[in-house]
Amino acid sequence: MTLGRPKKITPRVLQKLEDAFQIGATDEEACNSAKIAPQTLYNYQTATPDFVEQKARWKLNPILKAKKTVVDNLERDPHLAMRYLEKRCPDEFGRNARGFELTLAQERLDMLQSKMLEPAEEDKAEFA
């Protein structure tokens, strides 16, 4: 009978790591939740390359849930819809795009105001 050191990454530890990663935990937070040292996780990842890919998929879960929540609520919240468009289509809806339009509008307004303040040609001749 071979006795050795018990494995630190048990099915229960793996489940705790999965649960933590599924809610967006960092490696350190997940390790704390599973009560293992970060180095234990990194050693396991080195020995089990497939785990690294699985961990990456688990970490995407909260992002995908958040995206779904945003998309599901676009019709109910026009401000949310606008923010979504600003982020997803910045050239068309981003702050820089709108800022550029506002800058052009301000320049046009300034030009019109300066023309209004200039004396008319006949007034210029009268004062000359």
Protein backbone atom coordinates (compact mmCIF):
# COMPACT_ATOMS: atom_id res chain seq x y z
CA MET A 1 0.00 0.00 0.00
CA THR A 2 1.38 3.35 -1.05
CA LEU A 3 0.86 6.21 1.27
CA GLY A 4 1.62 9.68 0.17
CA ARG A 5 0.65 13.16 0.73
CA PRO A 6 -3.06 13.74 0.08
CA LYS A 7 -3.95 15.78 -2.97
CA LYS A 8 -4.71 19.39 -2.22
CA ILE A 9 -6.96 19.80 -5.25
CA THR A 10 -9.88 17.55 -4.43
CA PRO A 11 -13.26 17.51 -6.20
CA ARG A 12 -14.60 19.69 -3.36
CA VAL A 13 -11.79 22.24 -3.84
CA LEU A 14 -12.40 22.24 -7.59
CA GLN A 15 -16.09 22.97 -6.98
CA LYS A 16 -15.23 25.87 -4.68
CA LEU A 17 -12.83 27.26 -7.28
CA GLU A 18 -15.48 26.94 -9.99
CA ASP A 19 -18.11 28.66 -7.82
CA ALA A 20 -15.74 31.53 -7.13
CA PHE A 21 -14.61 31.97 -10.73
CA GLN A 22 -18.23 31.85 -11.94
CA ILE A 23 -18.93 35.02 -9.94
CA GLY A 24 -15.85 36.85 -11.18
CA ALA A 25 -13.36 36.10 -8.42
CA THR A 26 -9.66 36.67 -8.97
CA ASP A 27 -7.25 33.77 -8.55
CA GLU A 28 -6.40 34.95 -5.03
CA GLU A 29 -10.07 35.30 -4.06
CA ALA A 30 -10.91 31.87 -5.44
CA CYS A 31 -7.99 30.32 -3.60
CA ASN A 32 -9.09 31.99 -0.38
CA SER A 33 -12.60 30.64 -0.87
CA ALA A 34 -11.26 27.13 -1.52
CA LYS A 35 -8.78 27.44 1.36
CA ILE A 36 -5.72 26.71 -0.75
CA ALA A 37 -2.59 28.72 -1.44
CA PRO A 38 -2.37 30.49 -4.81
CA GLN A 39 0.78 28.49 -5.54
CA THR A 40 -1.26 25.28 -5.18
CA LEU A 41 -3.60 26.56 -7.89
CA TYR A 42 -0.71 27.52 -10.16
CA ASN A 43 0.96 24.12 -9.66
CA TYR A 44 -2.34 22.42 -10.53
CA GLN A 45 -2.68 24.57 -13.66
CA THR A 46 0.82 23.58 -14.75
CA ALA A 47 -0.01 19.91 -14.27
CA THR A 48 -3.50 20.23 -15.82
CA PRO A 49 -3.44 22.52 -18.89
CA ASP A 50 -7.13 21.87 -19.66
CA PHE A 51 -8.01 23.47 -16.34
CA VAL A 52 -6.57 26.82 -17.50
CA GLU A 53 -9.02 26.90 -20.42
CA GLN A 54 -11.92 25.89 -18.18
CA LYS A 55 -11.01 28.59 -15.66
CA ALA A 56 -11.01 31.20 -18.44
CA ARG A 57 -14.53 30.11 -19.47
CA TRP A 58 -15.74 30.31 -15.87
CA LYS A 59 -14.32 33.81 -15.54
CA LEU A 60 -16.30 34.93 -18.61
CA ASN A 61 -19.59 33.93 -16.99
CA PRO A 62 -20.28 37.19 -15.09
CA ILE A 63 -19.40 39.25 -18.16
CA LEU A 64 -21.83 37.29 -20.30
CA LYS A 65 -24.55 37.59 -17.65
CA ALA A 66 -24.00 41.34 -17.44
CA LYS A 67 -24.18 41.71 -21.22
CA LYS A 68 -27.41 39.72 -21.32
CA THR A 69 -28.90 41.88 -18.56
CA VAL A 70 -27.99 45.05 -20.43
CA VAL A 71 -29.43 43.83 -23.73
CA ASP A 72 -32.59 42.54 -22.04
CA ASN A 73 -33.19 45.96 -20.47
CA LEU A 74 -32.44 48.25 -23.42
CA GLU A 75 -36.11 48.86 -24.21
CA ARG A 76 -36.97 49.75 -20.61
CA ASP A 77 -34.11 52.18 -20.05
CA PRO A 78 -33.23 54.62 -22.86
CA HIS A 79 -30.23 55.96 -20.90
CA LEU A 80 -28.87 52.44 -20.67
CA ALA A 81 -29.47 52.01 -24.39
CA MET A 82 -27.51 55.18 -25.14
CA ARG A 83 -24.63 54.16 -22.90
CA TYR A 84 -24.59 50.76 -24.62
CA LEU A 85 -24.38 52.45 -28.04
CA GLU A 86 -21.65 54.81 -26.83
CA LYS A 87 -19.53 51.81 -25.85
CA ARG A 88 -20.37 49.48 -28.73
CA CYS A 89 -20.36 52.08 -31.54
CA PRO A 90 -18.05 54.84 -30.31
CA ASP A 91 -17.45 56.33 -33.76
CA GLU A 92 -21.14 56.95 -34.21
CA PHE A 93 -22.44 57.40 -30.66
CA GLY A 94 -19.37 57.90 -28.48
CA ARG A 95 -18.70 61.03 -26.50
CA ASN A 96 -15.99 62.07 -28.94
CA ALA A 97 -18.39 61.81 -31.86
CA ARG A 98 -21.00 63.93 -30.11
CA GLY A 99 -18.34 66.30 -28.80
CA PHE A 100 -17.10 66.84 -32.32
CA GLU A 101 -20.62 67.69 -33.50
CA LEU A 102 -21.04 70.09 -30.59
CA THR A 103 -17.71 71.72 -31.38
CA LEU A 104 -18.78 72.27 -34.99
CA ALA A 105 -22.12 73.69 -33.87
CA GLN A 106 -20.38 76.02 -31.42
CA GLU A 107 -17.97 77.18 -34.14
CA ARG A 108 -20.90 77.95 -36.46
CA LEU A 109 -22.68 79.84 -33.69
CA ASP A 110 -19.55 81.85 -32.91
CA MET A 111 -19.15 82.69 -36.60
CA LEU A 112 -22.78 83.87 -36.87
CA GLN A 113 -22.45 85.97 -33.73
CA SER A 114 -19.28 87.63 -34.97
CA LYS A 115 -20.98 88.46 -38.27
CA MET A 116 -23.92 89.96 -36.40
CA LEU A 117 -21.57 92.14 -34.36
CA GLU A 118 -19.64 93.40 -37.41
CA PRO A 119 -20.90 96.76 -38.67
CA ALA A 120 -22.60 96.67 -42.06
CA GLU A 121 -20.63 97.99 -45.08
CA GLU A 122 -22.61 101.19 -45.21
CA ASP A 123 -22.00 101.72 -41.47
CA LYS A 124 -18.25 101.20 -42.02
CA ALA A 125 -18.21 103.92 -44.69
CA GLU A 126 -20.10 106.33 -42.41
CA PHE A 127 -17.55 105.94 -39.60
CA ALA A 128 -14.51 106.17 -41.87
